[in-house]
Amino acid sequence: RIVKPVDFDPNKKYPVLFYVYGEPWGQTAVDDW
């Protein structure tokens, strides 16, 4: 799941912040609020 800036410019390079969990107790890339 990815969220980009509203004014995203494909000709630019952006910093990335990964959110992780990764154990059997939770899923993170989900279509929810």
PDB file of all heavy atoms in Angstrom:
ATOM      1  N   ARG A   1       0.874  -1.179   0.000  1.00  0.00           N
ATOM      2  CA  ARG A   1       0.000   0.000   0.000  1.00  0.00           C
ATOM      3  C   ARG A   1       0.904   1.219   0.000  1.00  0.00           C
ATOM      4  O   ARG A   1       1.869   1.284   0.766  1.00  0.00           O
ATOM      5  CB  ARG A   1      -0.887  -0.041   1.240  1.00  0.00           C
ATOM      6  CG  ARG A   1      -1.624   1.251   1.568  1.00  0.00           C
ATOM      7  CD  ARG A   1      -2.601   1.004   2.704  1.00  0.00           C
ATOM      8  NE  ARG A   1      -2.908   2.210   3.449  1.00  0.00           N
ATOM      9  CZ  ARG A   1      -3.889   2.315   4.339  1.00  0.00           C
ATOM     10  NH1 ARG A   1      -4.646   1.272   4.598  1.00  0.00           N
ATOM     11  NH2 ARG A   1      -4.109   3.425   4.985  1.00  0.00           N
ATOM     12  N   ILE A   2       0.609   2.185  -0.852  1.00  0.00           N
ATOM     13  CA  ILE A   2       1.456   3.364  -1.010  1.00  0.00           C
ATOM     14  C   ILE A   2       0.612   4.627  -0.978  1.00  0.00           C
ATOM     15  O   ILE A   2      -0.505   4.655  -1.501  1.00  0.00           O
ATOM     16  CB  ILE A   2       2.269   3.292  -2.331  1.00  0.00           C
ATOM     17  CG1 ILE A   2       3.235   4.477  -2.446  1.00  0.00           C
ATOM     18  CG2 ILE A   2       1.356   3.183  -3.543  1.00  0.00           C
ATOM     19  CD1 ILE A   2       4.213   4.338  -3.607  1.00  0.00           C
ATOM     20  N   VAL A   3       1.141   5.656  -0.334  1.00  0.00           N
ATOM     21  CA  VAL A   3       0.500   6.970  -0.321  1.00  0.00           C
ATOM     22  C   VAL A   3       1.536   7.976  -0.810  1.00  0.00           C
ATOM     23  O   VAL A   3       2.619   8.101  -0.226  1.00  0.00           O
ATOM     24  CB  VAL A   3       0.008   7.361   1.086  1.00  0.00           C
ATOM     25  CG1 VAL A   3      -0.771   8.680   1.016  1.00  0.00           C
ATOM     26  CG2 VAL A   3      -0.863   6.262   1.687  1.00  0.00           C
ATOM     27  N   LYS A   4       1.179   8.690  -1.892  1.00  0.00           N
ATOM     28  CA  LYS A   4       2.076   9.679  -2.478  1.00  0.00           C
ATOM     29  C   LYS A   4       1.539  11.088  -2.206  1.00  0.00           C
ATOM     30  O   LYS A   4       0.331  11.273  -2.011  1.00  0.00           O
ATOM     31  CB  LYS A   4       2.180   9.485  -3.996  1.00  0.00           C
ATOM     32  CG  LYS A   4       2.687   8.125  -4.434  1.00  0.00           C
ATOM     33  CD  LYS A   4       2.646   8.023  -5.962  1.00  0.00           C
ATOM     34  CE  LYS A   4       3.048   6.641  -6.446  1.00  0.00           C
ATOM     35  NZ  LYS A   4       2.924   6.511  -7.918  1.00  0.00           N
ATOM     36  N   PRO A   5       2.426  12.087  -2.234  1.00  0.00           N
ATOM     37  CA  PRO A   5       1.966  13.469  -2.052  1.00  0.00           C
ATOM     38  C   PRO A   5       0.939  13.872  -3.114  1.00  0.00           C
ATOM     39  O   PRO A   5       0.960  13.360  -4.240  1.00  0.00           O
ATOM     40  CB  PRO A   5       3.250  14.288  -2.200  1.00  0.00           C
ATOM     41  CG  PRO A   5       4.353  13.335  -1.849  1.00  0.00           C
ATOM     42  CD  PRO A   5       3.891  11.997  -2.335  1.00  0.00           C
ATOM     43  N   VAL A   6       0.050  14.788  -2.734  1.00  0.00           N
ATOM     44  CA  VAL A   6      -0.970  15.270  -3.666  1.00  0.00           C
ATOM     45  C   VAL A   6      -0.318  15.891  -4.902  1.00  0.00           C
ATOM     46  O   VAL A   6      -0.799  15.721  -6.028  1.00  0.00           O
ATOM     47  CB  VAL A   6      -1.893  16.287  -2.961  1.00  0.00           C
ATOM     48  CG1 VAL A   6      -2.830  16.944  -3.965  1.00  0.00           C
ATOM     49  CG2 VAL A   6      -2.694  15.601  -1.856  1.00  0.00           C
ATOM     50  N   ASP A   7       0.788  16.601  -4.704  1.00  0.00           N
ATOM     51  CA  ASP A   7       1.477  17.246  -5.823  1.00  0.00           C
ATOM     52  C   ASP A   7       2.632  16.390  -6.344  1.00  0.00           C
ATOM     53  O   ASP A   7       3.641  16.904  -6.822  1.00  0.00           O
ATOM     54  CB  ASP A   7       2.001  18.625  -5.401  1.00  0.00           C
ATOM     55  CG  ASP A   7       2.966  18.544  -4.216  1.00  0.00           C
ATOM     56  OD1 ASP A   7       3.134  17.432  -3.664  1.00  0.00           O
ATOM     57  OD2 ASP A   7       3.548  19.584  -3.848  1.00  0.00           O
ATOM     58  N   PHE A   8       2.482  15.091  -6.279  1.00  0.00           N
ATOM     59  CA  PHE A   8       3.533  14.164  -6.698  1.00  0.00           C
ATOM     60  C   PHE A   8       4.004  14.464  -8.117  1.00  0.00           C
ATOM     61  O   PHE A   8       3.201  14.626  -9.037  1.00  0.00           O
ATOM     62  CB  PHE A   8       3.016  12.733  -6.610  1.00  0.00           C
ATOM     63  CG  PHE A   8       3.947  11.704  -7.184  1.00  0.00           C
ATOM     64  CD1 PHE A   8       5.086  11.318  -6.496  1.00  0.00           C
ATOM     65  CD2 PHE A   8       3.683  11.128  -8.426  1.00  0.00           C
ATOM     66  CE1 PHE A   8       5.951  10.369  -7.027  1.00  0.00           C
ATOM     67  CE2 PHE A   8       4.541  10.181  -8.954  1.00  0.00           C
ATOM     68  CZ  PHE A   8       5.675   9.798  -8.259  1.00  0.00           C
ATOM     69  N   ASP A   9       5.314  14.522  -8.300  1.00  0.00           N
ATOM     70  CA  ASP A   9       5.933  14.782  -9.597  1.00  0.00           C
ATOM     71  C   ASP A   9       6.790  13.571  -9.955  1.00  0.00           C
ATOM     72  O   ASP A   9       7.798  13.302  -9.299  1.00  0.00           O
ATOM     73  CB  ASP A   9       6.795  16.046  -9.527  1.00  0.00           C
ATOM     74  CG  ASP A   9       7.404  16.422 -10.868  1.00  0.00           C
ATOM     75  OD1 ASP A   9       7.396  15.582 -11.793  1.00  0.00           O
ATOM     76  OD2 ASP A   9       7.900  17.562 -10.988  1.00  0.00           O
ATOM     77  N   PRO A  10       6.428  12.808 -10.984  1.00  0.00           N
ATOM     78  CA  PRO A  10       7.185  11.599 -11.334  1.00  0.00           C
ATOM     79  C   PRO A  10       8.618  11.878 -11.767  1.00  0.00           C
ATOM     80  O   PRO A  10       9.429  10.953 -11.863  1.00  0.00           O
ATOM     81  CB  PRO A  10       6.364  10.995 -12.479  1.00  0.00           C
ATOM     82  CG  PRO A  10       5.597  12.131 -13.054  1.00  0.00           C
ATOM     83  CD  PRO A  10       5.291  13.035 -11.901  1.00  0.00           C
ATOM     84  N   ASN A  11       8.937  13.144 -12.025  1.00  0.00           N
ATOM     85  CA  ASN A  11      10.304  13.500 -12.406  1.00  0.00           C
ATOM     86  C   ASN A  11      11.188  13.788 -11.196  1.00  0.00           C
ATOM     87  O   ASN A  11      12.358  14.138 -11.366  1.00  0.00           O
ATOM     88  CB  ASN A  11      10.286  14.726 -13.331  1.00  0.00           C
ATOM     89  CG  ASN A  11       9.652  14.408 -14.672  1.00  0.00           C
ATOM     90  OD1 ASN A  11       9.955  13.383 -15.272  1.00  0.00           O
ATOM     91  ND2 ASN A  11       8.751  15.269 -15.128  1.00  0.00           N
ATOM     92  N   LYS A  12      10.631  13.628 -10.009  1.00  0.00           N
ATOM     93  CA  LYS A  12      11.398  13.878  -8.793  1.00  0.00           C
ATOM     94  C   LYS A  12      11.585  12.586  -7.998  1.00  0.00           C
ATOM     95  O   LYS A  12      10.857  11.610  -8.185  1.00  0.00           O
ATOM     96  CB  LYS A  12      10.694  14.924  -7.926  1.00  0.00           C
ATOM     97  CG  LYS A  12      10.652  16.319  -8.540  1.00  0.00           C
ATOM     98  CD  LYS A  12       9.990  17.316  -7.594  1.00  0.00           C
ATOM     99  CE  LYS A  12      10.017  18.720  -8.183  1.00  0.00           C
ATOM    100  NZ  LYS A  12       9.384  19.718  -7.267  1.00  0.00           N
ATOM    101  N   LYS A  13      12.577  12.609  -7.122  1.00  0.00           N
ATOM    102  CA  LYS A  13      12.818  11.492  -6.205  1.00  0.00           C
ATOM    103  C   LYS A  13      12.385  11.907  -4.801  1.00  0.00           C
ATOM    104  O   LYS A  13      12.700  13.006  -4.348  1.00  0.00           O
ATOM    105  CB  LYS A  13      14.302  11.101  -6.216  1.00  0.00           C
ATOM    106  CG  LYS A  13      14.792  10.572  -7.546  1.00  0.00           C
ATOM    107  CD  LYS A  13      16.278  10.331  -7.538  1.00  0.00           C
ATOM    108  CE  LYS A  13      16.652   9.033  -6.860  1.00  0.00           C
ATOM    109  NZ  LYS A  13      16.309   7.845  -7.663  1.00  0.00           N
ATOM    110  N   TYR A  14      11.666  10.993  -4.117  1.00  0.00           N
ATOM    111  CA  TYR A  14      11.087  11.308  -2.816  1.00  0.00           C
ATOM    112  C   TYR A  14      11.649  10.377  -1.736  1.00  0.00           C
ATOM    113  O   TYR A  14      11.987   9.221  -1.997  1.00  0.00           O
ATOM    114  CB  TYR A  14       9.567  11.141  -2.853  1.00  0.00           C
ATOM    115  CG  TYR A  14       8.862  12.173  -3.699  1.00  0.00           C
ATOM    116  CD1 TYR A  14       8.727  11.990  -5.073  1.00  0.00           C
ATOM    117  CD2 TYR A  14       8.336  13.331  -3.129  1.00  0.00           C
ATOM    118  CE1 TYR A  14       8.068  12.928  -5.859  1.00  0.00           C
ATOM    119  CE2 TYR A  14       7.673  14.276  -3.907  1.00  0.00           C
ATOM    120  CZ  TYR A  14       7.557  14.068  -5.270  1.00  0.00           C
ATOM    121  OH  TYR A  14       6.908  15.005  -6.041  1.00  0.00           O
ATOM    122  N   PRO A  15      11.705  10.879  -0.516  1.00  0.00           N
ATOM    123  CA  PRO A  15      12.053  10.001   0.606  1.00  0.00           C
ATOM    124  C   PRO A  15      10.899   9.050   0.882  1.00  0.00           C
ATOM    125  O   PRO A  15       9.732   9.377   0.642  1.00  0.00           O
ATOM    126  CB  PRO A  15      12.261  10.973   1.768  1.00  0.00           C
ATOM    127  CG  PRO A  15      11.381  12.140   1.433  1.00  0.00           C
ATOM    128  CD  PRO A  15      11.405  12.257  -0.068  1.00  0.00           C
ATOM    129  N   VAL A  16      11.214   7.865   1.400  1.00  0.00           N
ATOM    130  CA  VAL A  16      10.184   6.871   1.667  1.00  0.00           C
ATOM    131  C   VAL A  16      10.235   6.464   3.133  1.00  0.00           C
ATOM    132  O   VAL A  16      11.307   6.303   3.721  1.00  0.00           O
ATOM    133  CB  VAL A  16      10.342   5.636   0.748  1.00  0.00           C
ATOM    134  CG1 VAL A  16      11.694   4.966   0.951  1.00  0.00           C
ATOM    135  CG2 VAL A  16       9.208   4.637   0.969  1.00  0.00           C
ATOM    136  N   LEU A  17       9.053   6.322   3.724  1.00  0.00           N
ATOM    137  CA  LEU A  17       8.913   5.821   5.091  1.00  0.00           C
ATOM    138  C   LEU A  17       8.144   4.512   5.023  1.00  0.00           C
ATOM    139  O   LEU A  17       6.973   4.482   4.637  1.00  0.00           O
ATOM    140  CB  LEU A  17       8.161   6.822   5.974  1.00  0.00           C
ATOM    141  CG  LEU A  17       7.845   6.348   7.395  1.00  0.00           C
ATOM    142  CD1 LEU A  17       9.122   6.103   8.197  1.00  0.00           C
ATOM    143  CD2 LEU A  17       6.945   7.355   8.122  1.00  0.00           C
ATOM    144  N   PHE A  18       8.814   3.409   5.365  1.00  0.00           N
ATOM    145  CA  PHE A  18       8.171   2.100   5.413  1.00  0.00           C
ATOM    146  C   PHE A  18       7.578   1.875   6.800  1.00  0.00           C
ATOM    147  O   PHE A  18       8.261   2.062   7.809  1.00  0.00           O
ATOM    148  CB  PHE A  18       9.179   0.987   5.131  1.00  0.00           C
ATOM    149  CG  PHE A  18       9.656   0.912   3.713  1.00  0.00           C
ATOM    150  CD1 PHE A  18      10.899   1.413   3.360  1.00  0.00           C
ATOM    151  CD2 PHE A  18       8.872   0.341   2.714  1.00  0.00           C
ATOM    152  CE1 PHE A  18      11.353   1.343   2.056  1.00  0.00           C
ATOM    153  CE2 PHE A  18       9.314   0.262   1.410  1.00  0.00           C
ATOM    154  CZ  PHE A  18      10.559   0.772   1.071  1.00  0.00           C
ATOM    155  N   TYR A  19       6.309   1.475   6.837  1.00  0.00           N
ATOM    156  CA  TYR A  19       5.705   1.021   8.085  1.00  0.00           C
ATOM    157  C   TYR A  19       5.710  -0.504   8.066  1.00  0.00           C
ATOM    158  O   TYR A  19       5.312  -1.128   7.074  1.00  0.00           O
ATOM    159  CB  TYR A  19       4.271   1.526   8.237  1.00  0.00           C
ATOM    160  CG  TYR A  19       3.548   0.904   9.410  1.00  0.00           C
ATOM    161  CD1 TYR A  19       3.897   1.234  10.712  1.00  0.00           C
ATOM    162  CD2 TYR A  19       2.537  -0.036   9.215  1.00  0.00           C
ATOM    163  CE1 TYR A  19       3.254   0.649  11.795  1.00  0.00           C
ATOM    164  CE2 TYR A  19       1.887  -0.617  10.285  1.00  0.00           C
ATOM    165  CZ  TYR A  19       2.250  -0.275  11.576  1.00  0.00           C
ATOM    166  OH  TYR A  19       1.619  -0.865  12.643  1.00  0.00           O
ATOM    167  N   VAL A  20       6.171  -1.135   9.146  1.00  0.00           N
ATOM    168  CA  VAL A  20       6.302  -2.592   9.173  1.00  0.00           C
ATOM    169  C   VAL A  20       5.656  -3.188  10.417  1.00  0.00           C
ATOM    170  O   VAL A  20       5.565  -2.551  11.461  1.00  0.00           O
ATOM    171  CB  VAL A  20       7.796  -3.012   9.128  1.00  0.00           C
ATOM    172  CG1 VAL A  20       8.410  -2.681   7.774  1.00  0.00           C
ATOM    173  CG2 VAL A  20       8.605  -2.363  10.251  1.00  0.00           C
ATOM    174  N   TYR A  21       5.180  -4.384  10.279  1.00  0.00           N
ATOM    175  CA  TYR A  21       4.828  -5.247  11.412  1.00  0.00           C
ATOM    176  C   TYR A  21       5.433  -6.621  11.136  1.00  0.00           C
ATOM    177  O   TYR A  21       6.442  -6.975  11.684  1.00  0.00           O
ATOM    178  CB  TYR A  21       3.326  -5.320  11.647  1.00  0.00           C
ATOM    179  CG  TYR A  21       3.015  -6.162  12.866  1.00  0.00           C
ATOM    180  CD1 TYR A  21       3.255  -5.669  14.144  1.00  0.00           C
ATOM    181  CD2 TYR A  21       2.551  -7.470  12.744  1.00  0.00           C
ATOM    182  CE1 TYR A  21       3.034  -6.447  15.271  1.00  0.00           C
ATOM    183  CE2 TYR A  21       2.323  -8.255  13.868  1.00  0.00           C
ATOM    184  CZ  TYR A  21       2.571  -7.740  15.123  1.00  0.00           C
ATOM    185  OH  TYR A  21       2.363  -8.518  16.239  1.00  0.00           O
ATOM    186  N   GLY A  22       4.766  -7.423  10.293  1.00  0.00           N
ATOM    187  CA  GLY A  22       5.423  -8.584   9.736  1.00  0.00           C
ATOM    188  C   GLY A  22       5.386  -9.861  10.529  1.00  0.00           C
ATOM    189  O   GLY A  22       6.038 -10.840  10.169  1.00  0.00           O
ATOM    190  N   GLU A  23       4.618  -9.930  11.629  1.00  0.00           N
ATOM    191  CA  GLU A  23       4.495 -11.159  12.408  1.00  0.00           C
ATOM    192  C   GLU A  23       3.092 -11.748  12.229  1.00  0.00           C
ATOM    193  O   GLU A  23       2.212 -11.109  11.656  1.00  0.00           O
ATOM    194  CB  GLU A  23       4.830 -10.888  13.873  1.00  0.00           C
ATOM    195  CG  GLU A  23       6.283 -10.469  14.073  1.00  0.00           C
ATOM    196  CD  GLU A  23       6.760 -10.585  15.518  1.00  0.00           C
ATOM    197  OE1 GLU A  23       6.025 -11.116  16.360  1.00  0.00           O
ATOM    198  OE2 GLU A  23       7.890 -10.130  15.796  1.00  0.00           O
ATOM    199  N   PRO A  24       2.853 -12.968  12.742  1.00  0.00           N
ATOM    200  CA  PRO A  24       1.575 -13.634  12.489  1.00  0.00           C
ATOM    201  C   PRO A  24       0.358 -12.984  13.138  1.00  0.00           C
ATOM    202  O   PRO A  24      -0.748 -13.508  12.997  1.00  0.00           O
ATOM    203  CB  PRO A  24       1.806 -15.046  13.079  1.00  0.00           C
ATOM    204  CG  PRO A  24       3.263 -15.255  13.033  1.00  0.00           C
ATOM    205  CD  PRO A  24       3.841 -13.899  13.337  1.00  0.00           C
ATOM    206  N   TRP A  25       0.545 -11.882  13.835  1.00  0.00           N
ATOM    207  CA  TRP A  25      -0.574 -11.270  14.555  1.00  0.00           C
ATOM    208  C   TRP A  25      -1.160 -10.063  13.831  1.00  0.00           C
ATOM    209  O   TRP A  25      -2.050  -9.412  14.345  1.00  0.00           O
ATOM    210  CB  TRP A  25      -0.124 -10.877  15.959  1.00  0.00           C
ATOM    211  CG  TRP A  25      -1.248 -10.749  16.946  1.00  0.00           C
ATOM    212  CD1 TRP A  25      -1.696  -9.599  17.543  1.00  0.00           C
ATOM    213  CD2 TRP A  25      -2.083 -11.786  17.456  1.00  0.00           C
ATOM    214  NE1 TRP A  25      -2.739  -9.863  18.392  1.00  0.00           N
ATOM    215  CE2 TRP A  25      -3.004 -11.216  18.358  1.00  0.00           C
ATOM    216  CE3 TRP A  25      -2.137 -13.163  17.236  1.00  0.00           C
ATOM    217  CZ2 TRP A  25      -3.964 -11.959  19.031  1.00  0.00           C
ATOM    218  CZ3 TRP A  25      -3.093 -13.905  17.912  1.00  0.00           C
ATOM    219  CH2 TRP A  25      -3.989 -13.298  18.794  1.00  0.00           C
ATOM    220  N   GLY A  26      -0.668  -9.740  12.615  1.00  0.00           N
ATOM    221  CA  GLY A  26      -1.242  -8.568  11.980  1.00  0.00           C
ATOM    222  C   GLY A  26      -0.852  -8.409  10.525  1.00  0.00           C
ATOM    223  O   GLY A  26       0.247  -8.764  10.107  1.00  0.00           O
ATOM    224  N   GLN A  27      -1.803  -7.858   9.754  1.00  0.00           N
ATOM    225  CA  GLN A  27      -1.623  -7.537   8.339  1.00  0.00           C
ATOM    226  C   GLN A  27      -1.687  -6.018   8.206  1.00  0.00           C
ATOM    227  O   GLN A  27      -2.506  -5.368   8.851  1.00  0.00           O
ATOM    228  CB  GLN A  27      -2.737  -8.209   7.530  1.00  0.00           C
ATOM    229  CG  GLN A  27      -2.695  -7.990   6.039  1.00  0.00           C
ATOM    230  CD  GLN A  27      -3.876  -8.649   5.334  1.00  0.00           C
ATOM    231  OE1 GLN A  27      -4.659  -9.366   5.943  1.00  0.00           O
ATOM    232  NE2 GLN A  27      -4.017  -8.395   4.051  1.00  0.00           N
ATOM    233  N   THR A  28      -0.842  -5.418   7.402  1.00  0.00           N
ATOM    234  CA  THR A  28      -0.780  -3.945   7.324  1.00  0.00           C
ATOM    235  C   THR A  28      -1.202  -3.379   5.980  1.00  0.00           C
ATOM    236  O   THR A  28      -1.736  -2.277   5.922  1.00  0.00           O
ATOM    237  CB  THR A  28       0.642  -3.452   7.635  1.00  0.00           C
ATOM    238  OG1 THR A  28       1.561  -3.969   6.669  1.00  0.00           O
ATOM    239  CG2 THR A  28       1.080  -3.881   9.035  1.00  0.00           C
ATOM    240  N   ALA A  29      -0.946  -4.091   4.893  1.00  0.00           N
ATOM    241  CA  ALA A  29      -1.299  -3.575   3.566  1.00  0.00           C
ATOM    242  C   ALA A  29      -2.756  -3.915   3.287  1.00  0.00           C
ATOM    243  O   ALA A  29      -3.081  -4.819   2.514  1.00  0.00           O
ATOM    244  CB  ALA A  29      -0.392  -4.155   2.497  1.00  0.00           C
ATOM    245  N   VAL A  30      -3.644  -3.190   3.955  1.00  0.00           N
ATOM    246  CA  VAL A  30      -5.069  -3.480   3.864  1.00  0.00           C
ATOM    247  C   VAL A  30      -5.834  -2.240   3.419  1.00  0.00           C
ATOM    248  O   VAL A  30      -5.412  -1.106   3.642  1.00  0.00           O
ATOM    249  CB  VAL A  30      -5.625  -3.980   5.216  1.00  0.00           C
ATOM    250  CG1 VAL A  30      -5.075  -5.352   5.537  1.00  0.00           C
ATOM    251  CG2 VAL A  30      -5.294  -3.022   6.325  1.00  0.00           C
ATOM    252  N   ASP A  31      -6.958  -2.506   2.796  1.00  0.00           N
ATOM    253  CA  ASP A  31      -7.781  -1.435   2.241  1.00  0.00           C
ATOM    254  C   ASP A  31      -8.743  -0.918   3.305  1.00  0.00           C
ATOM    255  O   ASP A  31      -9.959  -1.026   3.174  1.00  0.00           O
ATOM    256  CB  ASP A  31      -8.539  -1.965   1.025  1.00  0.00           C
ATOM    257  CG  ASP A  31      -9.139  -0.847   0.176  1.00  0.00           C
ATOM    258  OD1 ASP A  31      -8.956   0.333   0.524  1.00  0.00           O
ATOM    259  OD2 ASP A  31      -9.791  -1.170  -0.830  1.00  0.00           O
ATOM    260  N   ASP A  32      -8.168  -0.366   4.383  1.00  0.00           N
ATOM    261  CA  ASP A  32      -9.005   0.158   5.451  1.00  0.00           C
ATOM    262  C   ASP A  32      -8.428   1.473   5.962  1.00  0.00           C
ATOM    263  O   ASP A  32      -7.283   1.828   5.687  1.00  0.00           O
ATOM    264  CB  ASP A  32      -9.150  -0.851   6.594  1.00  0.00           C
ATOM    265  CG  ASP A  32      -7.890  -0.972   7.445  1.00  0.00           C
ATOM    266  OD1 ASP A  32      -6.797  -0.620   6.954  1.00  0.00           O
ATOM    267  OD2 ASP A  32      -7.997  -1.437   8.594  1.00  0.00           O
ATOM    268  N   TRP A  33      -9.242   2.174   6.715  1.00  0.00           N
ATOM    269  CA  TRP A  33      -8.843   3.441   7.330  1.00  0.00           C
ATOM    270  C   TRP A  33      -8.241   3.094   8.680  1.00  0.00           C
ATOM    271  O   TRP A  33      -8.932   2.925   9.670  1.00  0.00           O
ATOM    272  CB  TRP A  33     -10.053   4.351   7.489  1.00  0.00           C
ATOM    273  CG  TRP A  33      -9.712   5.731   7.963  1.00  0.00           C
ATOM    274  CD1 TRP A  33      -9.829   6.209   9.233  1.00  0.00           C
ATOM    275  CD2 TRP A  33      -9.213   6.812   7.178  1.00  0.00           C
ATOM    276  NE1 TRP A  33      -9.422   7.508   9.281  1.00  0.00           N
ATOM    277  CE2 TRP A  33      -9.036   7.916   8.031  1.00  0.00           C
ATOM    278  CE3 TRP A  33      -8.881   6.957   5.832  1.00  0.00           C
ATOM    279  CZ2 TRP A  33      -8.557   9.141   7.588  1.00  0.00           C
ATOM    280  CZ3 TRP A  33      -8.406   8.177   5.388  1.00  0.00           C
ATOM    281  CH2 TRP A  33      -8.247   9.255   6.265  1.00  0.00           C
TER     282      TRP A  33
END
